[in-house]
N, C-alpha and C. Protein backbone atom coordinates (compact mmCIF):
# COMPACT_ATOMS: atom_id res chain seq x y z
N UNK A 1 76.80 127.00 138.54
CA UNK A 1 75.78 126.98 139.57
C UNK A 1 74.47 126.45 138.98
N UNK A 2 73.74 125.67 139.75
CA UNK A 2 72.53 125.03 139.25
C UNK A 2 71.35 125.99 139.11
N UNK A 3 71.09 126.79 140.14
CA UNK A 3 69.88 127.60 140.16
C UNK A 3 69.96 128.66 141.24
N UNK A 4 68.97 129.56 141.22
CA UNK A 4 68.82 130.54 142.28
C UNK A 4 67.36 130.56 142.73
N UNK A 5 67.15 130.91 143.99
CA UNK A 5 65.79 131.03 144.51
C UNK A 5 65.71 132.23 145.44
N UNK A 6 64.53 132.81 145.52
CA UNK A 6 64.29 133.93 146.42
C UNK A 6 64.22 133.44 147.86
N UNK A 7 64.69 134.28 148.77
CA UNK A 7 64.49 134.01 150.19
C UNK A 7 63.00 134.10 150.51
N UNK A 8 62.48 133.12 151.21
CA UNK A 8 61.06 133.06 151.57
C UNK A 8 60.91 132.07 152.71
N UNK A 9 59.72 131.98 153.30
CA UNK A 9 59.54 130.93 154.32
C UNK A 9 59.85 129.54 153.79
N UNK A 10 59.59 129.29 152.50
CA UNK A 10 59.87 127.98 151.92
C UNK A 10 61.37 127.70 151.83
N UNK A 11 62.16 128.74 151.53
CA UNK A 11 63.61 128.54 151.38
C UNK A 11 64.38 128.87 152.66
N UNK A 12 63.66 129.25 153.72
CA UNK A 12 64.33 129.57 154.98
C UNK A 12 65.26 128.45 155.45
N UNK A 13 64.86 127.17 155.41
CA UNK A 13 65.79 126.12 155.87
C UNK A 13 67.12 126.13 155.10
N UNK A 14 67.08 126.43 153.81
CA UNK A 14 68.32 126.50 153.03
C UNK A 14 69.15 127.70 153.45
N UNK A 15 68.49 128.83 153.65
CA UNK A 15 69.18 130.03 154.11
C UNK A 15 69.82 129.78 155.48
N UNK A 16 69.07 129.14 156.35
CA UNK A 16 69.55 128.84 157.69
C UNK A 16 70.78 127.93 157.64
N UNK A 17 70.73 126.94 156.77
CA UNK A 17 71.85 126.01 156.63
C UNK A 17 73.10 126.75 156.15
N UNK A 18 72.93 127.66 155.19
CA UNK A 18 74.05 128.40 154.64
C UNK A 18 74.60 129.42 155.63
N UNK A 19 73.73 130.23 156.22
CA UNK A 19 74.19 131.31 157.09
C UNK A 19 74.70 130.82 158.44
N UNK A 20 74.37 129.58 158.82
CA UNK A 20 74.91 129.04 160.06
C UNK A 20 76.43 128.90 159.97
N UNK A 21 76.97 128.89 158.75
CA UNK A 21 78.42 128.81 158.56
C UNK A 21 79.07 130.18 158.62
N UNK A 22 78.26 131.21 158.50
CA UNK A 22 78.78 132.57 158.39
C UNK A 22 79.09 133.20 159.74
N UNK A 23 78.38 132.81 160.77
CA UNK A 23 78.57 133.44 162.07
C UNK A 23 77.25 133.90 162.64
N UNK A 24 77.27 134.98 163.40
CA UNK A 24 76.07 135.39 164.10
C UNK A 24 75.34 136.60 163.57
N UNK A 25 75.73 137.11 162.40
CA UNK A 25 75.11 138.33 161.89
C UNK A 25 73.72 138.07 161.30
N UNK A 26 73.59 136.98 160.54
CA UNK A 26 72.32 136.63 159.88
C UNK A 26 71.80 137.76 158.99
N UNK A 27 72.72 138.59 158.48
CA UNK A 27 72.36 139.71 157.59
C UNK A 27 71.27 140.59 158.19
N UNK A 28 71.39 140.87 159.49
CA UNK A 28 70.43 141.73 160.17
C UNK A 28 70.93 143.17 160.32
N UNK A 29 72.21 143.39 160.16
CA UNK A 29 72.80 144.69 160.44
C UNK A 29 72.07 145.82 159.73
N UNK A 30 71.83 145.67 158.44
CA UNK A 30 71.26 146.77 157.65
C UNK A 30 69.75 146.92 157.83
N UNK A 31 69.12 145.95 158.45
CA UNK A 31 67.69 146.06 158.73
C UNK A 31 67.40 147.04 159.86
N UNK A 32 68.40 147.29 160.70
CA UNK A 32 68.16 148.08 161.91
C UNK A 32 68.49 149.55 161.69
N UNK A 33 67.61 150.44 162.13
CA UNK A 33 67.92 151.87 162.04
C UNK A 33 68.80 152.34 163.19
N UNK A 34 69.07 151.44 164.16
CA UNK A 34 69.84 151.81 165.34
C UNK A 34 71.07 150.92 165.49
N UNK A 35 71.87 151.18 166.51
CA UNK A 35 73.14 150.50 166.71
C UNK A 35 72.97 149.11 167.34
N UNK A 36 74.06 148.36 167.31
CA UNK A 36 74.13 147.03 167.93
C UNK A 36 73.79 147.14 169.41
N UNK A 37 74.37 148.14 170.08
CA UNK A 37 74.14 148.32 171.52
C UNK A 37 72.69 148.67 171.81
N UNK A 38 72.09 149.50 170.98
CA UNK A 38 70.69 149.86 171.15
C UNK A 38 69.78 148.66 170.94
N UNK A 39 70.18 147.77 170.04
CA UNK A 39 69.41 146.55 169.80
C UNK A 39 69.42 145.66 171.05
N UNK A 40 70.58 145.52 171.66
CA UNK A 40 70.68 144.70 172.86
C UNK A 40 69.81 145.28 173.98
N UNK A 41 69.85 146.58 174.12
CA UNK A 41 69.06 147.24 175.17
C UNK A 41 67.57 147.12 174.88
N UNK A 42 67.17 147.30 173.64
CA UNK A 42 65.77 147.26 173.27
C UNK A 42 65.14 145.91 173.55
N UNK A 43 65.90 144.82 173.26
CA UNK A 43 65.36 143.48 173.42
C UNK A 43 65.89 142.77 174.67
N UNK A 44 66.66 143.48 175.48
CA UNK A 44 67.19 142.92 176.73
C UNK A 44 67.96 141.62 176.50
N UNK A 45 68.91 141.68 175.57
CA UNK A 45 69.77 140.53 175.30
C UNK A 45 71.23 140.96 175.48
N UNK A 46 72.08 140.01 175.87
CA UNK A 46 73.50 140.33 175.99
C UNK A 46 74.23 139.94 174.71
N UNK A 47 75.51 140.26 174.66
CA UNK A 47 76.29 140.06 173.43
C UNK A 47 76.31 138.58 173.01
N UNK A 48 76.44 137.68 173.97
CA UNK A 48 76.51 136.25 173.62
C UNK A 48 75.19 135.72 173.07
N UNK A 49 74.09 136.41 173.37
CA UNK A 49 72.77 135.98 172.89
C UNK A 49 72.42 136.56 171.53
N UNK A 50 73.23 137.48 171.03
CA UNK A 50 72.88 138.18 169.80
C UNK A 50 72.78 137.27 168.57
N UNK A 51 73.65 136.26 168.40
CA UNK A 51 73.49 135.41 167.23
C UNK A 51 72.10 134.75 167.16
N UNK A 52 71.63 134.19 168.25
CA UNK A 52 70.32 133.55 168.24
C UNK A 52 69.21 134.60 168.11
N UNK A 53 69.43 135.78 168.70
CA UNK A 53 68.47 136.87 168.56
C UNK A 53 68.37 137.30 167.10
N UNK A 54 69.52 137.45 166.44
CA UNK A 54 69.52 137.86 165.03
C UNK A 54 68.80 136.84 164.15
N UNK A 55 69.06 135.57 164.41
CA UNK A 55 68.41 134.51 163.64
C UNK A 55 66.90 134.59 163.80
N UNK A 56 66.42 134.77 165.03
CA UNK A 56 64.99 134.85 165.30
C UNK A 56 64.36 136.05 164.60
N UNK A 57 65.03 137.22 164.71
CA UNK A 57 64.50 138.43 164.09
C UNK A 57 64.48 138.31 162.57
N UNK A 58 65.52 137.69 162.00
CA UNK A 58 65.56 137.52 160.55
C UNK A 58 64.41 136.62 160.09
N UNK A 59 64.18 135.55 160.80
CA UNK A 59 63.11 134.63 160.44
C UNK A 59 61.76 135.34 160.49
N UNK A 60 61.57 136.21 161.48
CA UNK A 60 60.33 136.97 161.59
C UNK A 60 60.14 137.89 160.39
N UNK A 61 61.21 138.57 159.98
CA UNK A 61 61.14 139.46 158.83
C UNK A 61 60.83 138.71 157.55
N UNK A 62 61.43 137.54 157.39
CA UNK A 62 61.17 136.71 156.20
C UNK A 62 59.70 136.30 156.18
N UNK A 63 59.16 135.89 157.31
CA UNK A 63 57.76 135.48 157.39
C UNK A 63 56.82 136.64 157.06
N UNK A 64 57.25 137.86 157.36
CA UNK A 64 56.44 139.05 157.10
C UNK A 64 56.66 139.62 155.70
N UNK A 65 57.55 139.01 154.92
CA UNK A 65 57.85 139.50 153.58
C UNK A 65 58.65 140.79 153.60
N UNK A 66 59.43 141.00 154.67
CA UNK A 66 60.19 142.24 154.83
C UNK A 66 61.69 142.01 154.76
N UNK A 67 62.10 140.90 154.18
CA UNK A 67 63.52 140.62 153.98
C UNK A 67 63.66 139.91 152.64
N UNK A 68 64.50 140.46 151.77
CA UNK A 68 64.65 139.93 150.41
C UNK A 68 66.08 139.47 150.16
N UNK A 69 66.21 138.50 149.32
CA UNK A 69 67.54 138.04 148.96
C UNK A 69 67.47 136.88 147.98
N UNK A 70 68.63 136.52 147.48
CA UNK A 70 68.78 135.43 146.51
C UNK A 70 69.70 134.37 147.09
N UNK A 71 69.27 133.12 147.01
CA UNK A 71 70.10 131.98 147.41
C UNK A 71 70.56 131.27 146.15
N UNK A 72 71.85 131.00 146.07
CA UNK A 72 72.43 130.29 144.92
C UNK A 72 72.68 128.84 145.31
N UNK A 73 72.36 127.93 144.39
CA UNK A 73 72.51 126.50 144.64
C UNK A 73 73.52 125.87 143.67
N UNK A 74 74.24 124.89 144.17
CA UNK A 74 75.11 124.05 143.35
C UNK A 74 74.92 122.62 143.84
N UNK A 75 74.68 121.72 142.93
CA UNK A 75 74.39 120.33 143.31
C UNK A 75 73.27 120.26 144.33
N UNK A 76 72.28 121.13 144.14
CA UNK A 76 71.08 121.20 145.01
C UNK A 76 71.38 121.62 146.44
N UNK A 77 72.58 122.18 146.67
CA UNK A 77 72.94 122.67 147.99
C UNK A 77 73.05 124.19 147.96
N UNK A 78 72.60 124.88 149.03
CA UNK A 78 72.76 126.33 149.07
C UNK A 78 74.23 126.69 149.28
N UNK A 79 74.79 127.48 148.38
CA UNK A 79 76.22 127.79 148.45
C UNK A 79 76.52 129.29 148.48
N UNK A 80 75.53 130.13 148.21
CA UNK A 80 75.78 131.56 148.19
C UNK A 80 74.52 132.36 148.41
N UNK A 81 74.69 133.63 148.72
CA UNK A 81 73.58 134.48 149.13
C UNK A 81 73.87 135.94 148.81
N UNK A 82 72.85 136.66 148.41
CA UNK A 82 72.94 138.10 148.19
C UNK A 82 71.71 138.76 148.80
N UNK A 83 71.91 139.75 149.67
CA UNK A 83 70.78 140.48 150.25
C UNK A 83 70.49 141.74 149.44
N UNK A 84 69.22 141.95 149.14
CA UNK A 84 68.79 143.19 148.51
C UNK A 84 67.45 143.58 149.11
N UNK A 85 67.01 144.80 148.86
CA UNK A 85 65.71 145.22 149.35
C UNK A 85 65.49 146.70 149.08
N UNK A 86 64.26 147.16 149.22
CA UNK A 86 63.99 148.59 149.07
C UNK A 86 64.62 149.39 150.21
N UNK A 87 64.79 150.67 150.01
CA UNK A 87 65.43 151.54 150.98
C UNK A 87 64.84 151.39 152.38
N UNK A 88 63.51 151.38 152.46
CA UNK A 88 62.87 151.34 153.77
C UNK A 88 63.09 150.02 154.50
N UNK A 89 63.47 148.98 153.78
CA UNK A 89 63.73 147.68 154.38
C UNK A 89 65.14 147.59 154.96
N UNK A 90 66.03 148.44 154.47
CA UNK A 90 67.44 148.40 154.87
C UNK A 90 67.89 149.82 155.26
N UNK A 91 67.35 150.34 156.36
CA UNK A 91 67.55 151.75 156.71
C UNK A 91 68.91 152.10 157.30
N UNK A 92 69.70 151.09 157.68
CA UNK A 92 70.95 151.39 158.37
C UNK A 92 71.91 152.22 157.51
N UNK A 93 71.83 152.05 156.19
CA UNK A 93 72.69 152.81 155.29
C UNK A 93 72.55 154.31 155.55
N UNK A 94 71.34 154.75 155.83
CA UNK A 94 71.08 156.18 156.00
C UNK A 94 71.81 156.78 157.19
N UNK A 95 72.24 155.94 158.13
CA UNK A 95 72.94 156.42 159.33
C UNK A 95 74.44 156.61 159.10
N UNK A 96 74.97 156.05 158.02
CA UNK A 96 76.40 156.15 157.77
C UNK A 96 76.84 157.60 157.60
N UNK A 97 77.91 157.99 158.27
CA UNK A 97 78.31 159.40 158.24
C UNK A 97 78.71 159.86 156.85
N UNK A 98 79.40 159.01 156.09
CA UNK A 98 79.78 159.41 154.73
C UNK A 98 78.55 159.50 153.83
N UNK A 99 77.62 158.58 154.04
CA UNK A 99 76.40 158.60 153.22
C UNK A 99 75.59 159.86 153.52
N UNK A 100 75.47 160.22 154.79
CA UNK A 100 74.69 161.41 155.16
C UNK A 100 75.31 162.67 154.57
N UNK A 101 76.63 162.72 154.51
CA UNK A 101 77.31 163.91 153.98
C UNK A 101 77.04 164.12 152.50
N UNK A 102 76.66 163.06 151.79
CA UNK A 102 76.41 163.20 150.35
C UNK A 102 75.19 164.07 150.07
N UNK A 103 74.25 164.08 151.01
CA UNK A 103 73.05 164.89 150.81
C UNK A 103 72.30 164.54 149.54
N UNK A 104 72.14 163.26 149.28
CA UNK A 104 71.50 162.82 148.05
C UNK A 104 70.04 163.27 148.00
N UNK A 105 69.62 163.74 146.85
CA UNK A 105 68.23 164.18 146.70
C UNK A 105 67.31 162.98 146.53
N UNK A 106 66.06 163.17 146.89
CA UNK A 106 65.07 162.12 146.68
C UNK A 106 64.84 161.92 145.20
N UNK A 107 64.87 160.67 144.77
CA UNK A 107 64.66 160.35 143.36
C UNK A 107 63.21 159.97 143.11
N UNK A 108 62.76 160.20 141.89
CA UNK A 108 61.39 159.83 141.54
C UNK A 108 61.23 158.32 141.50
N UNK A 109 62.30 157.62 141.09
CA UNK A 109 62.25 156.17 140.99
C UNK A 109 62.42 155.54 142.37
N UNK A 110 61.91 154.34 142.50
CA UNK A 110 62.08 153.60 143.75
C UNK A 110 63.55 153.29 143.96
N UNK A 111 64.01 153.37 145.20
CA UNK A 111 65.41 153.10 145.51
C UNK A 111 65.56 151.73 146.15
N UNK A 112 66.44 150.92 145.55
CA UNK A 112 66.76 149.59 146.07
C UNK A 112 68.20 149.58 146.55
N UNK A 113 68.50 148.63 147.43
CA UNK A 113 69.86 148.50 147.96
C UNK A 113 70.33 147.05 147.91
N UNK A 114 71.58 146.87 147.53
CA UNK A 114 72.24 145.57 147.60
C UNK A 114 73.33 145.73 148.66
N UNK A 115 73.17 145.02 149.78
CA UNK A 115 74.04 145.31 150.93
C UNK A 115 75.14 144.29 151.19
N UNK A 116 74.89 143.02 150.95
CA UNK A 116 75.92 142.06 151.34
C UNK A 116 75.77 140.74 150.61
N UNK A 117 76.90 140.00 150.60
CA UNK A 117 76.99 138.69 149.98
C UNK A 117 77.63 137.73 150.97
N UNK A 118 77.31 136.45 150.80
CA UNK A 118 78.04 135.42 151.52
C UNK A 118 78.14 134.20 150.62
N UNK A 119 79.34 133.64 150.54
CA UNK A 119 79.58 132.43 149.74
C UNK A 119 80.28 131.40 150.61
N UNK A 120 79.78 130.19 150.60
CA UNK A 120 80.41 129.07 151.30
C UNK A 120 81.88 129.01 150.88
N UNK A 121 82.77 128.85 151.84
CA UNK A 121 84.21 128.88 151.56
C UNK A 121 84.63 127.84 150.52
N UNK A 122 83.90 126.74 150.42
CA UNK A 122 84.24 125.70 149.45
C UNK A 122 83.89 126.11 148.02
N UNK A 123 83.10 127.16 147.86
CA UNK A 123 82.63 127.54 146.52
C UNK A 123 83.09 128.95 146.12
N UNK A 124 84.04 129.50 146.83
CA UNK A 124 84.53 130.83 146.49
C UNK A 124 85.40 130.79 145.24
N UNK A 125 85.46 131.94 144.57
CA UNK A 125 86.21 132.10 143.32
C UNK A 125 85.62 131.26 142.19
N UNK A 126 84.32 131.03 142.25
CA UNK A 126 83.64 130.31 141.17
C UNK A 126 82.51 131.15 140.55
N UNK A 127 82.46 132.42 140.89
CA UNK A 127 81.44 133.29 140.32
C UNK A 127 80.09 133.23 140.99
N UNK A 128 80.03 132.67 142.20
CA UNK A 128 78.76 132.52 142.89
C UNK A 128 78.12 133.89 143.18
N UNK A 129 78.93 134.83 143.67
CA UNK A 129 78.39 136.15 144.00
C UNK A 129 77.85 136.85 142.76
N UNK A 130 78.52 136.68 141.63
CA UNK A 130 78.05 137.30 140.39
C UNK A 130 76.71 136.71 139.96
N UNK A 131 76.55 135.41 140.13
CA UNK A 131 75.27 134.76 139.81
C UNK A 131 74.17 135.33 140.70
N UNK A 132 74.47 135.48 141.99
CA UNK A 132 73.49 136.03 142.93
C UNK A 132 73.14 137.46 142.58
N UNK A 133 74.13 138.25 142.21
CA UNK A 133 73.88 139.65 141.84
C UNK A 133 72.97 139.75 140.63
N UNK A 134 73.25 138.98 139.60
CA UNK A 134 72.41 139.04 138.40
C UNK A 134 70.97 138.62 138.70
N UNK A 135 70.81 137.62 139.56
CA UNK A 135 69.46 137.17 139.93
C UNK A 135 68.74 138.25 140.75
N UNK A 136 69.47 138.94 141.62
CA UNK A 136 68.88 140.02 142.41
C UNK A 136 68.42 141.16 141.51
N UNK A 137 69.23 141.51 140.52
CA UNK A 137 68.86 142.58 139.59
C UNK A 137 67.63 142.20 138.77
N UNK A 138 67.55 140.94 138.36
CA UNK A 138 66.37 140.49 137.62
C UNK A 138 65.13 140.52 138.51
N UNK A 139 65.28 140.16 139.77
CA UNK A 139 64.16 140.20 140.69
C UNK A 139 63.69 141.63 140.91
N UNK A 140 64.62 142.56 141.02
CA UNK A 140 64.26 143.97 141.17
C UNK A 140 63.51 144.45 139.93
N UNK A 141 63.98 144.04 138.76
CA UNK A 141 63.28 144.43 137.52
C UNK A 141 61.84 143.91 137.54
N UNK A 142 61.67 142.66 137.96
CA UNK A 142 60.33 142.07 137.99
C UNK A 142 59.42 142.77 139.00
N UNK A 143 60.03 143.39 140.01
CA UNK A 143 59.25 144.10 141.04
C UNK A 143 59.00 145.57 140.67
N UNK A 144 59.33 145.94 139.45
CA UNK A 144 59.06 147.30 139.00
C UNK A 144 60.28 148.14 138.71
N UNK A 145 61.47 147.63 139.06
CA UNK A 145 62.69 148.35 138.77
C UNK A 145 62.88 149.59 139.62
N UNK A 146 63.83 150.41 139.20
CA UNK A 146 64.15 151.63 139.93
C UNK A 146 65.66 151.82 139.98
N UNK A 147 66.10 152.66 140.89
CA UNK A 147 67.53 152.90 141.11
C UNK A 147 68.04 151.85 142.09
N UNK A 148 69.18 151.25 141.75
CA UNK A 148 69.78 150.22 142.61
C UNK A 148 71.13 150.72 143.09
N UNK A 149 71.30 150.80 144.39
CA UNK A 149 72.57 151.21 144.99
C UNK A 149 73.33 150.01 145.52
N UNK A 150 74.66 150.09 145.45
CA UNK A 150 75.54 149.06 146.03
C UNK A 150 76.70 149.78 146.69
N UNK A 151 77.39 149.08 147.59
CA UNK A 151 78.40 149.72 148.43
C UNK A 151 79.66 148.88 148.58
N UNK A 152 80.28 148.49 147.46
CA UNK A 152 81.48 147.65 147.57
C UNK A 152 82.65 148.42 148.18
N UNK A 153 83.58 147.67 148.75
CA UNK A 153 84.80 148.28 149.26
C UNK A 153 85.64 148.78 148.07
N UNK A 154 86.32 149.90 148.30
CA UNK A 154 87.16 150.47 147.25
C UNK A 154 88.36 149.56 146.97
N UNK A 155 88.77 148.78 147.97
CA UNK A 155 89.88 147.85 147.83
C UNK A 155 89.51 146.54 148.46
N UNK A 156 90.02 145.44 147.93
CA UNK A 156 89.76 144.12 148.51
C UNK A 156 90.90 143.68 149.43
N UNK A 157 91.78 144.62 149.80
CA UNK A 157 92.91 144.25 150.66
C UNK A 157 92.48 143.84 152.05
N UNK A 158 91.20 144.11 152.40
CA UNK A 158 90.70 143.70 153.71
C UNK A 158 90.35 142.23 153.78
N UNK A 159 90.61 141.48 152.71
CA UNK A 159 90.33 140.04 152.71
C UNK A 159 88.87 139.73 152.56
N UNK A 160 88.44 138.61 153.16
CA UNK A 160 87.07 138.13 152.97
C UNK A 160 86.03 139.09 153.49
N UNK A 161 86.36 139.89 154.52
CA UNK A 161 85.41 140.86 155.04
C UNK A 161 85.02 141.85 153.95
N UNK A 162 86.02 142.31 153.18
CA UNK A 162 85.74 143.24 152.09
C UNK A 162 84.81 142.62 151.05
N UNK A 163 84.94 141.33 150.82
CA UNK A 163 84.16 140.66 149.78
C UNK A 163 82.70 140.47 150.19
N UNK A 164 82.38 140.67 151.46
CA UNK A 164 80.97 140.61 151.88
C UNK A 164 80.13 141.63 151.13
N UNK A 165 80.77 142.69 150.66
CA UNK A 165 80.04 143.78 150.01
C UNK A 165 80.13 143.71 148.49
N UNK A 166 80.76 142.67 147.96
CA UNK A 166 80.98 142.59 146.53
C UNK A 166 82.18 143.43 146.13
N UNK A 167 82.60 143.33 144.90
CA UNK A 167 83.75 144.09 144.41
C UNK A 167 83.29 145.13 143.40
N UNK A 168 84.08 146.19 143.28
CA UNK A 168 83.77 147.23 142.30
C UNK A 168 83.67 146.63 140.89
N UNK A 169 84.63 145.77 140.55
CA UNK A 169 84.63 145.16 139.21
C UNK A 169 83.38 144.34 138.94
N UNK A 170 82.91 143.61 139.94
CA UNK A 170 81.71 142.79 139.77
C UNK A 170 80.50 143.66 139.44
N UNK A 171 80.37 144.79 140.12
CA UNK A 171 79.25 145.68 139.85
C UNK A 171 79.42 146.41 138.52
N UNK A 172 80.65 146.77 138.20
CA UNK A 172 80.88 147.42 136.90
C UNK A 172 80.48 146.52 135.75
N UNK A 173 80.74 145.23 135.88
CA UNK A 173 80.38 144.29 134.80
C UNK A 173 78.86 144.21 134.62
N UNK A 174 78.10 144.57 135.63
CA UNK A 174 76.64 144.55 135.52
C UNK A 174 76.07 145.95 135.24
N UNK A 175 76.95 146.88 134.87
CA UNK A 175 76.49 148.20 134.43
C UNK A 175 76.38 149.26 135.50
N UNK A 176 76.88 149.00 136.71
CA UNK A 176 76.86 150.01 137.77
C UNK A 176 77.95 151.05 137.52
N UNK A 177 77.67 152.28 137.92
CA UNK A 177 78.64 153.37 137.81
C UNK A 177 78.95 153.91 139.21
N UNK A 178 80.19 154.29 139.43
CA UNK A 178 80.58 154.89 140.70
C UNK A 178 79.97 156.28 140.82
N UNK A 179 79.40 156.56 142.00
CA UNK A 179 78.75 157.85 142.25
C UNK A 179 79.57 158.71 143.21
N UNK A 180 80.06 158.10 144.30
CA UNK A 180 80.79 158.87 145.31
C UNK A 180 81.56 157.93 146.21
N UNK A 181 82.56 158.49 146.89
CA UNK A 181 83.32 157.74 147.89
C UNK A 181 82.53 157.71 149.20
N UNK A 182 82.60 156.56 149.88
CA UNK A 182 82.01 156.41 151.21
C UNK A 182 83.09 155.94 152.17
N UNK A 183 84.16 156.70 152.25
CA UNK A 183 85.28 156.26 153.08
C UNK A 183 86.00 155.10 152.43
N UNK A 184 85.95 153.92 153.07
CA UNK A 184 86.58 152.73 152.50
C UNK A 184 85.73 152.06 151.42
N UNK A 185 84.53 152.56 151.25
CA UNK A 185 83.61 151.97 150.28
C UNK A 185 83.29 152.96 149.16
N UNK A 186 82.56 152.46 148.17
CA UNK A 186 82.15 153.28 147.03
C UNK A 186 80.65 153.13 146.84
N UNK A 187 79.96 154.24 146.67
CA UNK A 187 78.55 154.17 146.29
C UNK A 187 78.48 153.98 144.79
N UNK A 188 77.86 152.86 144.36
CA UNK A 188 77.68 152.59 142.94
C UNK A 188 76.19 152.50 142.67
N UNK A 189 75.80 152.86 141.44
CA UNK A 189 74.37 152.99 141.15
C UNK A 189 74.06 152.53 139.73
N UNK A 190 72.86 151.99 139.59
CA UNK A 190 72.37 151.52 138.29
C UNK A 190 70.87 151.74 138.23
N UNK A 191 70.38 152.15 137.08
CA UNK A 191 68.94 152.32 136.88
C UNK A 191 68.42 151.12 136.11
N UNK A 192 67.39 150.49 136.65
CA UNK A 192 66.78 149.33 135.99
C UNK A 192 65.35 149.69 135.61
N UNK A 193 65.05 149.52 134.34
CA UNK A 193 63.69 149.76 133.85
C UNK A 193 62.89 148.47 133.95
N UNK A 194 61.64 148.59 134.39
CA UNK A 194 60.81 147.39 134.53
C UNK A 194 60.53 146.73 133.19
N UNK A 195 60.68 147.48 132.10
CA UNK A 195 60.41 146.91 130.77
C UNK A 195 61.61 146.35 130.09
N UNK A 196 62.78 146.44 130.73
CA UNK A 196 64.02 145.99 130.12
C UNK A 196 64.41 144.64 130.69
N UNK A 197 64.29 143.59 129.87
CA UNK A 197 64.59 142.26 130.36
C UNK A 197 66.09 142.03 130.50
N UNK A 198 66.90 142.86 129.84
CA UNK A 198 68.35 142.77 130.03
C UNK A 198 68.77 143.84 131.02
N UNK A 199 69.16 143.45 132.23
CA UNK A 199 69.46 144.43 133.27
C UNK A 199 70.87 145.01 133.14
N UNK A 200 71.64 144.57 132.20
CA UNK A 200 73.00 145.08 132.08
C UNK A 200 73.00 146.45 131.43
């Protein structure tokens, strides 16, 4: 892979080009504290309008500096993506029934979340997601570090849908440890110190 860049208004066209291949989610799911149905009701949109609605809302968040992520490039083309952000930026995790049952205590360190990945089908199985993950961890370190949570599927038998969340092995290679089961997923965690340039 050639390089990585942060999601920003400057890189929005690249993100838009890449995510237009993914479908209508636009990585908005985890930004919302409420359900898909509540979103439609709140903004008075129907199901068929949701893809364009998601794109608009995502662009607004990026302009406001409230959406973070890493874009991976190959041959100067955007080929992969990883979303990360602080807890308050990605509140949907807190609504998950398995997550709520854990009763996790508040930590002194800032809590970050890595929620999803997307890789262009032509560039899969080339380590793109791993490159994005390492860049996201470095960006978190530069922003002061803290505890980083991830939620990969316990099994990849679900096909490409499972890979949207990364794999357990990919996170283990970057020093994450399993904390608890979340049904079909696993809560994995890593502490990053702002003074440690090696995030592994």
